[in-house]
Amino acid sequence: GGSGLTLVIDYNDVWGNHSSSYCSLASPPSGTHNISADPQFLNPTAGDYHLRFGSPAMNAGTGVDAPAYDKDGVARPQGRGVDMGAYEVVVYDVYLPLTVKNY
């Protein structure tokens, strides 16, 4: 029997599964923001699931119902949007001194 509930799976990156069917769900995910790309973790073998700069999961998440800070206490979002996963990629702005010369 059904419960009348609709499962919505959205804002996920499923990569490296033996199946792209989200753990063999009977129907495909209903979300439109799911991706299937290497998330480019820093060192998953050692349990470091921070994203590398340039990861496809950067700025690909949603702030809806997301915590204001990641697991390291970094404010979300960093950059243009919330990153998928537990950790935000810390974005630094670099400002170089500008020297104007008159020749």
PDB file of N, CA and C in Angstrom:
ATOM      1  N   GLY A   1       0.822  -1.175   0.000  1.00  0.00           N
ATOM      2  CA  GLY A   1       0.000   0.000   0.000  1.00  0.00           C
ATOM      3  C   GLY A   1       0.859   1.228   0.000  1.00  0.00           C
ATOM      4  N   GLY A   2       0.306   2.308  -0.517  1.00  0.00           N
ATOM      5  CA  GLY A   2       1.020   3.575  -0.548  1.00  0.00           C
ATOM      6  C   GLY A   2       0.593   4.473   0.589  1.00  0.00           C
ATOM      7  N   SER A   3       1.479   5.339   0.968  1.00  0.00           N
ATOM      8  CA  SER A   3       1.194   6.268   2.053  1.00  0.00           C
ATOM      9  C   SER A   3       0.689   7.599   1.527  1.00  0.00           C
ATOM     10  N   GLY A   4       0.696   7.780   0.217  1.00  0.00           N
ATOM     11  CA  GLY A   4       0.272   9.037  -0.369  1.00  0.00           C
ATOM     12  C   GLY A   4       1.369  10.091  -0.354  1.00  0.00           C
ATOM     13  N   LEU A   5       2.557   9.731   0.117  1.00  0.00           N
ATOM     14  CA  LEU A   5       3.675  10.667   0.147  1.00  0.00           C
ATOM     15  C   LEU A   5       4.443  10.597  -1.160  1.00  0.00           C
ATOM     16  N   THR A   6       4.998  11.725  -1.560  1.00  0.00           N
ATOM     17  CA  THR A   6       5.824  11.784  -2.756  1.00  0.00           C
ATOM     18  C   THR A   6       7.252  12.065  -2.340  1.00  0.00           C
ATOM     19  N   LEU A   7       8.158  11.212  -2.747  1.00  0.00           N
ATOM     20  CA  LEU A   7       9.569  11.381  -2.438  1.00  0.00           C
ATOM     21  C   LEU A   7      10.191  12.312  -3.474  1.00  0.00           C
ATOM     22  N   VAL A   8      10.831  13.373  -3.002  1.00  0.00           N
ATOM     23  CA  VAL A   8      11.520  14.300  -3.887  1.00  0.00           C
ATOM     24  C   VAL A   8      13.010  14.222  -3.565  1.00  0.00           C
ATOM     25  N   ILE A   9      13.793  13.858  -4.552  1.00  0.00           N
ATOM     26  CA  ILE A   9      15.239  13.799  -4.402  1.00  0.00           C
ATOM     27  C   ILE A   9      15.810  14.881  -5.302  1.00  0.00           C
ATOM     28  N   ASP A  10      16.472  15.872  -4.687  1.00  0.00           N
ATOM     29  CA  ASP A  10      16.942  17.016  -5.443  1.00  0.00           C
ATOM     30  C   ASP A  10      18.245  17.529  -4.833  1.00  0.00           C
ATOM     31  N   TYR A  11      19.056  18.185  -5.632  1.00  0.00           N
ATOM     32  CA  TYR A  11      20.332  18.758  -5.221  1.00  0.00           C
ATOM     33  C   TYR A  11      21.278  17.692  -4.688  1.00  0.00           C
ATOM     34  N   ASN A  12      21.472  16.633  -5.452  1.00  0.00           N
ATOM     35  CA  ASN A  12      22.382  15.554  -5.087  1.00  0.00           C
ATOM     36  C   ASN A  12      23.374  15.313  -6.214  1.00  0.00           C
ATOM     37  N   ASP A  13      24.536  14.806  -5.834  1.00  0.00           N
ATOM     38  CA  ASP A  13      25.548  14.384  -6.797  1.00  0.00           C
ATOM     39  C   ASP A  13      25.789  12.901  -6.562  1.00  0.00           C
ATOM     40  N   VAL A  14      25.294  12.075  -7.450  1.00  0.00           N
ATOM     41  CA  VAL A  14      25.483  10.630  -7.347  1.00  0.00           C
ATOM     42  C   VAL A  14      26.589  10.254  -8.320  1.00  0.00           C
ATOM     43  N   TRP A  15      27.698   9.762  -7.759  1.00  0.00           N
ATOM     44  CA  TRP A  15      28.870   9.467  -8.570  1.00  0.00           C
ATOM     45  C   TRP A  15      29.525   8.187  -8.071  1.00  0.00           C
ATOM     46  N   GLY A  16      29.932   7.335  -8.974  1.00  0.00           N
ATOM     47  CA  GLY A  16      30.664   6.141  -8.612  1.00  0.00           C
ATOM     48  C   GLY A  16      29.786   4.997  -8.132  1.00  0.00           C
ATOM     49  N   ASN A  17      28.481   5.117  -8.284  1.00  0.00           N
ATOM     50  CA  ASN A  17      27.587   4.013  -7.930  1.00  0.00           C
ATOM     51  C   ASN A  17      27.702   2.929  -8.991  1.00  0.00           C
ATOM     52  N   HIS A  18      27.317   1.743  -8.626  1.00  0.00           N
ATOM     53  CA  HIS A  18      27.247   0.674  -9.621  1.00  0.00           C
ATOM     54  C   HIS A  18      26.013   0.866 -10.494  1.00  0.00           C
ATOM     55  N   SER A  19      25.134   1.725 -10.025  1.00  0.00           N
ATOM     56  CA  SER A  19      23.910   2.010 -10.768  1.00  0.00           C
ATOM     57  C   SER A  19      23.619   3.490 -10.641  1.00  0.00           C
ATOM     58  N   SER A  20      23.095   4.086 -11.674  1.00  0.00           N
ATOM     59  CA  SER A  20      22.757   5.505 -11.602  1.00  0.00           C
ATOM     60  C   SER A  20      21.304   5.694 -11.182  1.00  0.00           C
ATOM     61  N   SER A  21      20.709   4.655 -10.610  1.00  0.00           N
ATOM     62  CA  SER A  21      19.286   4.703 -10.294  1.00  0.00           C
ATOM     63  C   SER A  21      19.000   5.076  -8.847  1.00  0.00           C
ATOM     64  N   TYR A  22      19.918   5.752  -8.196  1.00  0.00           N
ATOM     65  CA  TYR A  22      19.697   6.176  -6.814  1.00  0.00           C
ATOM     66  C   TYR A  22      19.301   4.996  -5.941  1.00  0.00           C
ATOM     67  N   CYS A  23      20.219   4.071  -5.780  1.00  0.00           N
ATOM     68  CA  CYS A  23      20.023   2.891  -4.921  1.00  0.00           C
ATOM     69  C   CYS A  23      18.858   2.033  -5.394  1.00  0.00           C
ATOM     70  N   SER A  24      18.684   1.960  -6.681  1.00  0.00           N
ATOM     71  CA  SER A  24      17.668   1.104  -7.291  1.00  0.00           C
ATOM     72  C   SER A  24      16.238   1.505  -6.943  1.00  0.00           C
ATOM     73  N   LEU A  25      15.990   2.800  -6.814  1.00  0.00           N
ATOM     74  CA  LEU A  25      14.612   3.245  -6.624  1.00  0.00           C
ATOM     75  C   LEU A  25      13.803   2.854  -7.853  1.00  0.00           C
ATOM     76  N   ALA A  26      12.539   2.553  -7.636  1.00  0.00           N
ATOM     77  CA  ALA A  26      11.693   2.093  -8.734  1.00  0.00           C
ATOM     78  C   ALA A  26      11.502   3.165  -9.797  1.00  0.00           C
ATOM     79  N   SER A  27      11.476   4.443  -9.382  1.00  0.00           N
ATOM     80  CA  SER A  27      11.305   5.514 -10.354  1.00  0.00           C
ATOM     81  C   SER A  27      12.485   6.474 -10.238  1.00  0.00           C
ATOM     82  N   PRO A  28      12.797   7.178 -11.292  1.00  0.00           N
ATOM     83  CA  PRO A  28      13.943   8.086 -11.249  1.00  0.00           C
ATOM     84  C   PRO A  28      13.674   9.254 -10.299  1.00  0.00           C
ATOM     85  N   PRO A  29      14.731   9.900  -9.829  1.00  0.00           N
ATOM     86  CA  PRO A  29      14.557  11.045  -8.927  1.00  0.00           C
ATOM     87  C   PRO A  29      13.744  12.146  -9.585  1.00  0.00           C
ATOM     88  N   SER A  30      12.962  12.835  -8.776  1.00  0.00           N
ATOM     89  CA  SER A  30      12.077  13.850  -9.324  1.00  0.00           C
ATOM     90  C   SER A  30      12.706  15.232  -9.372  1.00  0.00           C
ATOM     91  N   GLY A  31      13.848  15.420  -8.712  1.00  0.00           N
ATOM     92  CA  GLY A  31      14.463  16.737  -8.697  1.00  0.00           C
ATOM     93  C   GLY A  31      15.110  17.092 -10.016  1.00  0.00           C
ATOM     94  N   THR A  32      15.234  18.377 -10.263  1.00  0.00           N
ATOM     95  CA  THR A  32      15.821  18.835 -11.521  1.00  0.00           C
ATOM     96  C   THR A  32      17.247  19.342 -11.334  1.00  0.00           C
ATOM     97  N   HIS A  33      17.763  19.303 -10.097  1.00  0.00           N
ATOM     98  CA  HIS A  33      19.091  19.844  -9.828  1.00  0.00           C
ATOM     99  C   HIS A  33      20.101  18.754  -9.474  1.00  0.00           C
ATOM    100  N   ASN A  34      19.782  17.496  -9.736  1.00  0.00           N
ATOM    101  CA  ASN A  34      20.703  16.401  -9.464  1.00  0.00           C
ATOM    102  C   ASN A  34      21.777  16.359 -10.543  1.00  0.00           C
ATOM    103  N   ILE A  35      22.992  15.987 -10.129  1.00  0.00           N
ATOM    104  CA  ILE A  35      24.081  15.849 -11.083  1.00  0.00           C
ATOM    105  C   ILE A  35      24.756  14.494 -10.871  1.00  0.00           C
ATOM    106  N   SER A  36      25.505  14.071 -11.847  1.00  0.00           N
ATOM    107  CA  SER A  36      26.301  12.858 -11.729  1.00  0.00           C
ATOM    108  C   SER A  36      27.681  13.189 -12.277  1.00  0.00           C
ATOM    109  N   ALA A  37      28.544  13.676 -11.389  1.00  0.00           N
ATOM    110  CA  ALA A  37      29.886  14.100 -11.770  1.00  0.00           C
ATOM    111  C   ALA A  37      30.833  13.864 -10.602  1.00  0.00           C
ATOM    112  N   ASP A  38      32.094  13.611 -10.904  1.00  0.00           N
ATOM    113  CA  ASP A  38      33.095  13.427  -9.864  1.00  0.00           C
ATOM    114  C   ASP A  38      33.106  14.668  -8.976  1.00  0.00           C
ATOM    115  N   PRO A  39      32.801  14.535  -7.665  1.00  0.00           N
ATOM    116  CA  PRO A  39      32.745  15.706  -6.795  1.00  0.00           C
ATOM    117  C   PRO A  39      34.115  16.297  -6.473  1.00  0.00           C
ATOM    118  N   GLN A  40      35.179  15.581  -6.812  1.00  0.00           N
ATOM    119  CA  GLN A  40      36.541  16.056  -6.597  1.00  0.00           C
ATOM    120  C   GLN A  40      36.822  16.339  -5.120  1.00  0.00           C
ATOM    121  N   PHE A  41      36.627  15.302  -4.286  1.00  0.00           N
ATOM    122  CA  PHE A  41      36.951  15.411  -2.869  1.00  0.00           C
ATOM    123  C   PHE A  41      38.463  15.547  -2.711  1.00  0.00           C
ATOM    124  N   LEU A  42      38.898  16.203  -1.630  1.00  0.00           N
ATOM    125  CA  LEU A  42      40.333  16.382  -1.394  1.00  0.00           C
ATOM    126  C   LEU A  42      41.059  15.058  -1.188  1.00  0.00           C
ATOM    127  N   ASN A  43      40.552  14.208  -0.302  1.00  0.00           N
ATOM    128  CA  ASN A  43      41.214  12.932  -0.048  1.00  0.00           C
ATOM    129  C   ASN A  43      40.213  11.943   0.544  1.00  0.00           C
ATOM    130  N   PRO A  44      39.308  11.405  -0.286  1.00  0.00           N
ATOM    131  CA  PRO A  44      38.270  10.520   0.248  1.00  0.00           C
ATOM    132  C   PRO A  44      38.830   9.240   0.871  1.00  0.00           C
ATOM    133  N   THR A  45      39.972   8.764   0.402  1.00  0.00           N
ATOM    134  CA  THR A  45      40.574   7.571   0.965  1.00  0.00           C
ATOM    135  C   THR A  45      40.893   7.763   2.449  1.00  0.00           C
ATOM    136  N   ALA A  46      41.282   8.979   2.804  1.00  0.00           N
ATOM    137  CA  ALA A  46      41.599   9.312   4.194  1.00  0.00           C
ATOM    138  C   ALA A  46      40.399   9.890   4.930  1.00  0.00           C
ATOM    139  N   GLY A  47      39.222   9.894   4.290  1.00  0.00           N
ATOM    140  CA  GLY A  47      38.017  10.409   4.931  1.00  0.00           C
ATOM    141  C   GLY A  47      37.864  11.918   4.845  1.00  0.00           C
ATOM    142  N   ASP A  48      38.610  12.581   3.970  1.00  0.00           N
ATOM    143  CA  ASP A  48      38.503  14.034   3.811  1.00  0.00           C
ATOM    144  C   ASP A  48      37.584  14.329   2.631  1.00  0.00           C
ATOM    145  N   TYR A  49      36.347  14.687   2.947  1.00  0.00           N
ATOM    146  CA  TYR A  49      35.339  14.917   1.920  1.00  0.00           C
ATOM    147  C   TYR A  49      35.110  16.400   1.635  1.00  0.00           C
ATOM    148  N   HIS A  50      36.111  17.228   1.917  1.00  0.00           N
ATOM    149  CA  HIS A  50      36.049  18.617   1.484  1.00  0.00           C
ATOM    150  C   HIS A  50      36.164  18.630  -0.037  1.00  0.00           C
ATOM    151  N   LEU A  51      35.496  19.578  -0.664  1.00  0.00           N
ATOM    152  CA  LEU A  51      35.548  19.692  -2.121  1.00  0.00           C
ATOM    153  C   LEU A  51      36.779  20.478  -2.553  1.00  0.00           C
ATOM    154  N   ARG A  52      37.341  20.081  -3.686  1.00  0.00           N
ATOM    155  CA  ARG A  52      38.415  20.870  -4.291  1.00  0.00           C
ATOM    156  C   ARG A  52      37.792  22.093  -4.962  1.00  0.00           C
ATOM    157  N   PHE A  53      38.573  23.178  -5.054  1.00  0.00           N
ATOM    158  CA  PHE A  53      38.106  24.344  -5.787  1.00  0.00           C
ATOM    159  C   PHE A  53      37.859  23.929  -7.231  1.00  0.00           C
ATOM    160  N   GLY A  54      36.734  24.290  -7.788  1.00  0.00           N
ATOM    161  CA  GLY A  54      36.374  23.915  -9.154  1.00  0.00           C
ATOM    162  C   GLY A  54      35.508  22.678  -9.238  1.00  0.00           C
ATOM    163  N   SER A  55      35.188  22.070  -8.103  1.00  0.00           N
ATOM    164  CA  SER A  55      34.315  20.894  -8.086  1.00  0.00           C
ATOM    165  C   SER A  55      32.961  21.237  -8.701  1.00  0.00           C
ATOM    166  N   PRO A  56      32.350  20.296  -9.428  1.00  0.00           N
ATOM    167  CA  PRO A  56      31.016  20.560  -9.974  1.00  0.00           C
ATOM    168  C   PRO A  56      29.953  20.713  -8.873  1.00  0.00           C
ATOM    169  N   ALA A  57      30.282  20.310  -7.648  1.00  0.00           N
ATOM    170  CA  ALA A  57      29.339  20.457  -6.533  1.00  0.00           C
ATOM    171  C   ALA A  57      29.405  21.855  -5.903  1.00  0.00           C
ATOM    172  N   MET A  58      30.401  22.649  -6.293  1.00  0.00           N
ATOM    173  CA  MET A  58      30.482  24.030  -5.795  1.00  0.00           C
ATOM    174  C   MET A  58      29.317  24.840  -6.347  1.00  0.00           C
ATOM    175  N   ASN A  59      28.679  25.594  -5.474  1.00  0.00           N
ATOM    176  CA  ASN A  59      27.579  26.487  -5.848  1.00  0.00           C
ATOM    177  C   ASN A  59      26.407  25.750  -6.488  1.00  0.00           C
ATOM    178  N   ALA A  60      26.337  24.429  -6.320  1.00  0.00           N
ATOM    179  CA  ALA A  60      25.287  23.633  -6.956  1.00  0.00           C
ATOM    180  C   ALA A  60      24.234  23.159  -5.967  1.00  0.00           C
ATOM    181  N   GLY A  61      24.345  23.564  -4.709  1.00  0.00           N
ATOM    182  CA  GLY A  61      23.381  23.162  -3.689  1.00  0.00           C
ATOM    183  C   GLY A  61      22.265  24.178  -3.541  1.00  0.00           C
ATOM    184  N   THR A  62      21.547  24.057  -2.452  1.00  0.00           N
ATOM    185  CA  THR A  62      20.471  24.996  -2.151  1.00  0.00           C
ATOM    186  C   THR A  62      20.572  25.420  -0.697  1.00  0.00           C
ATOM    187  N   GLY A  63      20.198  26.646  -0.438  1.00  0.00           N
ATOM    188  CA  GLY A  63      20.188  27.142   0.929  1.00  0.00           C
ATOM    189  C   GLY A  63      18.883  26.849   1.642  1.00  0.00           C
ATOM    190  N   VAL A  64      17.887  26.333   0.940  1.00  0.00           N
ATOM    191  CA  VAL A  64      16.586  26.039   1.540  1.00  0.00           C
ATOM    192  C   VAL A  64      16.754  24.926   2.575  1.00  0.00           C
ATOM    193  N   ASP A  65      16.417  25.227   3.799  1.00  0.00           N
ATOM    194  CA  ASP A  65      16.511  24.291   4.925  1.00  0.00           C
ATOM    195  C   ASP A  65      17.937  23.821   5.194  1.00  0.00           C
ATOM    196  N   ALA A  66      18.934  24.476   4.638  1.00  0.00           N
ATOM    197  CA  ALA A  66      20.331  24.113   4.887  1.00  0.00           C
ATOM    198  C   ALA A  66      20.831  24.873   6.112  1.00  0.00           C
ATOM    199  N   PRO A  67      21.773  24.296   6.839  1.00  0.00           N
ATOM    200  CA  PRO A  67      22.337  25.034   7.974  1.00  0.00           C
ATOM    201  C   PRO A  67      23.105  26.261   7.491  1.00  0.00           C
ATOM    202  N   ALA A  68      23.202  27.269   8.333  1.00  0.00           N
ATOM    203  CA  ALA A  68      23.898  28.506   7.985  1.00  0.00           C
ATOM    204  C   ALA A  68      25.414  28.312   7.959  1.00  0.00           C
ATOM    205  N   TYR A  69      25.892  27.231   8.593  1.00  0.00           N
ATOM    206  CA  TYR A  69      27.325  26.953   8.655  1.00  0.00           C
ATOM    207  C   TYR A  69      27.572  25.493   8.285  1.00  0.00           C
ATOM    208  N   ASP A  70      28.731  25.232   7.669  1.00  0.00           N
ATOM    209  CA  ASP A  70      29.065  23.851   7.329  1.00  0.00           C
ATOM    210  C   ASP A  70      29.640  23.132   8.551  1.00  0.00           C
ATOM    211  N   LYS A  71      30.106  21.897   8.382  1.00  0.00           N
ATOM    212  CA  LYS A  71      30.617  21.099   9.505  1.00  0.00           C
ATOM    213  C   LYS A  71      31.877  21.686  10.136  1.00  0.00           C
ATOM    214  N   ASP A  72      32.583  22.549   9.418  1.00  0.00           N
ATOM    215  CA  ASP A  72      33.775  23.206   9.959  1.00  0.00           C
ATOM    216  C   ASP A  72      33.452  24.555  10.586  1.00  0.00           C
ATOM    217  N   GLY A  73      32.181  24.967  10.536  1.00  0.00           N
ATOM    218  CA  GLY A  73      31.803  26.271  11.073  1.00  0.00           C
ATOM    219  C   GLY A  73      31.958  27.406  10.082  1.00  0.00           C
ATOM    220  N   VAL A  74      32.156  27.076   8.805  1.00  0.00           N
ATOM    221  CA  VAL A  74      32.284  28.084   7.747  1.00  0.00           C
ATOM    222  C   VAL A  74      30.887  28.525   7.325  1.00  0.00           C
ATOM    223  N   ALA A  75      30.688  29.842   7.243  1.00  0.00           N
ATOM    224  CA  ALA A  75      29.380  30.384   6.855  1.00  0.00           C
ATOM    225  C   ALA A  75      29.034  29.963   5.442  1.00  0.00           C
ATOM    226  N   ARG A  76      27.740  29.690   5.252  1.00  0.00           N
ATOM    227  CA  ARG A  76      27.228  29.352   3.929  1.00  0.00           C
ATOM    228  C   ARG A  76      26.362  30.491   3.425  1.00  0.00           C
ATOM    229  N   PRO A  77      26.410  30.830   2.174  1.00  0.00           N
ATOM    230  CA  PRO A  77      27.297  30.314   1.130  1.00  0.00           C
ATOM    231  C   PRO A  77      28.632  31.055   1.107  1.00  0.00           C
ATOM    232  N   GLN A  78      29.604  30.449   0.473  1.00  0.00           N
ATOM    233  CA  GLN A  78      30.881  31.072   0.121  1.00  0.00           C
ATOM    234  C   GLN A  78      30.832  31.168  -1.395  1.00  0.00           C
ATOM    235  N   GLY A  79      31.021  32.323  -1.938  1.00  0.00           N
ATOM    236  CA  GLY A  79      30.940  32.448  -3.390  1.00  0.00           C
ATOM    237  C   GLY A  79      29.505  32.692  -3.833  1.00  0.00           C
ATOM    238  N   ARG A  80      29.165  32.205  -5.025  1.00  0.00           N
ATOM    239  CA  ARG A  80      27.858  32.498  -5.646  1.00  0.00           C
ATOM    240  C   ARG A  80      26.702  31.720  -5.049  1.00  0.00           C
ATOM    241  N   GLY A  81      26.961  30.580  -4.406  1.00  0.00           N
ATOM    242  CA  GLY A  81      25.861  29.782  -3.880  1.00  0.00           C
ATOM    243  C   GLY A  81      26.347  28.730  -2.911  1.00  0.00           C
ATOM    244  N   VAL A  82      25.403  28.012  -2.335  1.00  0.00           N
ATOM    245  CA  VAL A  82      25.700  26.947  -1.381  1.00  0.00           C
ATOM    246  C   VAL A  82      26.283  25.756  -2.125  1.00  0.00           C
ATOM    247  N   ASP A  83      27.301  25.144  -1.542  1.00  0.00           N
ATOM    248  CA  ASP A  83      27.904  23.953  -2.128  1.00  0.00           C
ATOM    249  C   ASP A  83      27.128  22.710  -1.699  1.00  0.00           C
ATOM    250  N   MET A  84      27.088  21.697  -2.556  1.00  0.00           N
ATOM    251  CA  MET A  84      26.510  20.409  -2.172  1.00  0.00           C
ATOM    252  C   MET A  84      27.433  19.760  -1.144  1.00  0.00           C
ATOM    253  N   GLY A  85      26.863  19.050  -0.201  1.00  0.00           N
ATOM    254  CA  GLY A  85      27.662  18.321   0.768  1.00  0.00           C
ATOM    255  C   GLY A  85      27.796  19.032   2.092  1.00  0.00           C
ATOM    256  N   ALA A  86      28.629  18.468   2.945  1.00  0.00           N
ATOM    257  CA  ALA A  86      28.766  18.943   4.319  1.00  0.00           C
ATOM    258  C   ALA A  86      29.708  20.122   4.462  1.00  0.00           C
ATOM    259  N   TYR A  87      30.531  20.380   3.441  1.00  0.00           N
ATOM    260  CA  TYR A  87      31.560  21.408   3.558  1.00  0.00           C
ATOM    261  C   TYR A  87      31.478  22.419   2.423  1.00  0.00           C
ATOM    262  N   GLU A  88      31.641  23.690   2.771  1.00  0.00           N
ATOM    263  CA  GLU A  88      31.752  24.757   1.785  1.00  0.00           C
ATOM    264  C   GLU A  88      33.202  24.902   1.369  1.00  0.00           C
ATOM    265  N   VAL A  89      33.427  25.193   0.108  1.00  0.00           N
ATOM    266  CA  VAL A  89      34.766  25.547  -0.336  1.00  0.00           C
ATOM    267  C   VAL A  89      34.985  26.999   0.074  1.00  0.00           C
ATOM    268  N   VAL A  90      36.048  27.243   0.820  1.00  0.00           N
ATOM    269  CA  VAL A  90      36.338  28.594   1.268  1.00  0.00           C
ATOM    270  C   VAL A  90      36.889  29.381   0.091  1.00  0.00           C
ATOM    271  N   VAL A  91      36.258  30.510  -0.181  1.00  0.00           N
ATOM    272  CA  VAL A  91      36.625  31.344  -1.313  1.00  0.00           C
ATOM    273  C   VAL A  91      37.301  32.604  -0.782  1.00  0.00           C
ATOM    274  N   TYR A  92      38.464  32.876  -1.309  1.00  0.00           N
ATOM    275  CA  TYR A  92      39.209  34.076  -0.913  1.00  0.00           C
ATOM    276  C   TYR A  92      39.208  35.061  -2.062  1.00  0.00           C
ATOM    277  N   ASP A  93      39.030  36.344  -1.740  1.00  0.00           N
ATOM    278  CA  ASP A  93      39.177  37.395  -2.733  1.00  0.00           C
ATOM    279  C   ASP A  93      40.595  37.940  -2.626  1.00  0.00           C
ATOM    280  N   VAL A  94      41.251  38.073  -3.734  1.00  0.00           N
ATOM    281  CA  VAL A  94      42.608  38.587  -3.748  1.00  0.00           C
ATOM    282  C   VAL A  94      42.594  39.942  -4.436  1.00  0.00           C
ATOM    283  N   TYR A  95      43.145  40.919  -3.744  1.00  0.00           N
ATOM    284  CA  TYR A  95      43.232  42.266  -4.304  1.00  0.00           C
ATOM    285  C   TYR A  95      44.701  42.636  -4.409  1.00  0.00           C
ATOM    286  N   LEU A  96      45.152  42.855  -5.595  1.00  0.00           N
ATOM    287  CA  LEU A  96      46.541  43.217  -5.810  1.00  0.00           C
ATOM    288  C   LEU A  96      46.669  44.731  -5.821  1.00  0.00           C
ATOM    289  N   PRO A  97      47.794  45.251  -5.350  1.00  0.00           N
ATOM    290  CA  PRO A  97      47.964  46.701  -5.450  1.00  0.00           C
ATOM    291  C   PRO A  97      48.065  47.122  -6.923  1.00  0.00           C
ATOM    292  N   LEU A  98      47.466  48.211  -7.216  1.00  0.00           N
ATOM    293  CA  LEU A  98      47.473  48.728  -8.580  1.00  0.00           C
ATOM    294  C   LEU A  98      48.444  49.893  -8.641  1.00  0.00           C
ATOM    295  N   THR A  99      49.387  49.817  -9.543  1.00  0.00           N
ATOM    296  CA  THR A  99      50.378  50.889  -9.705  1.00  0.00           C
ATOM    297  C   THR A  99      50.171  51.501 -11.089  1.00  0.00           C
ATOM    298  N   VAL A 100      49.964  52.785 -11.118  1.00  0.00           N
ATOM    299  CA  VAL A 100      49.774  53.483 -12.386  1.00  0.00           C
ATOM    300  C   VAL A 100      51.036  54.301 -12.658  1.00  0.00           C
ATOM    301  N   LYS A 101      51.600  54.109 -13.819  1.00  0.00           N
ATOM    302  CA  LYS A 101      52.810  54.847 -14.205  1.00  0.00           C
ATOM    303  C   LYS A 101      52.517  55.664 -15.451  1.00  0.00           C
ATOM    304  N   ASN A 102      53.069  56.843 -15.493  1.00  0.00           N
ATOM    305  CA  ASN A 102      52.919  57.712 -16.636  1.00  0.00           C
ATOM    306  C   ASN A 102      54.231  57.702 -17.408  1.00  0.00           C
ATOM    307  N   TYR A 103      54.223  57.203 -18.635  1.00  0.00           N
ATOM    308  CA  TYR A 103      55.442  57.120 -19.435  1.00  0.00           C
ATOM    309  C   TYR A 103      55.523  58.238 -20.401  1.00  0.00           C
TER     310      TYR A 103
END
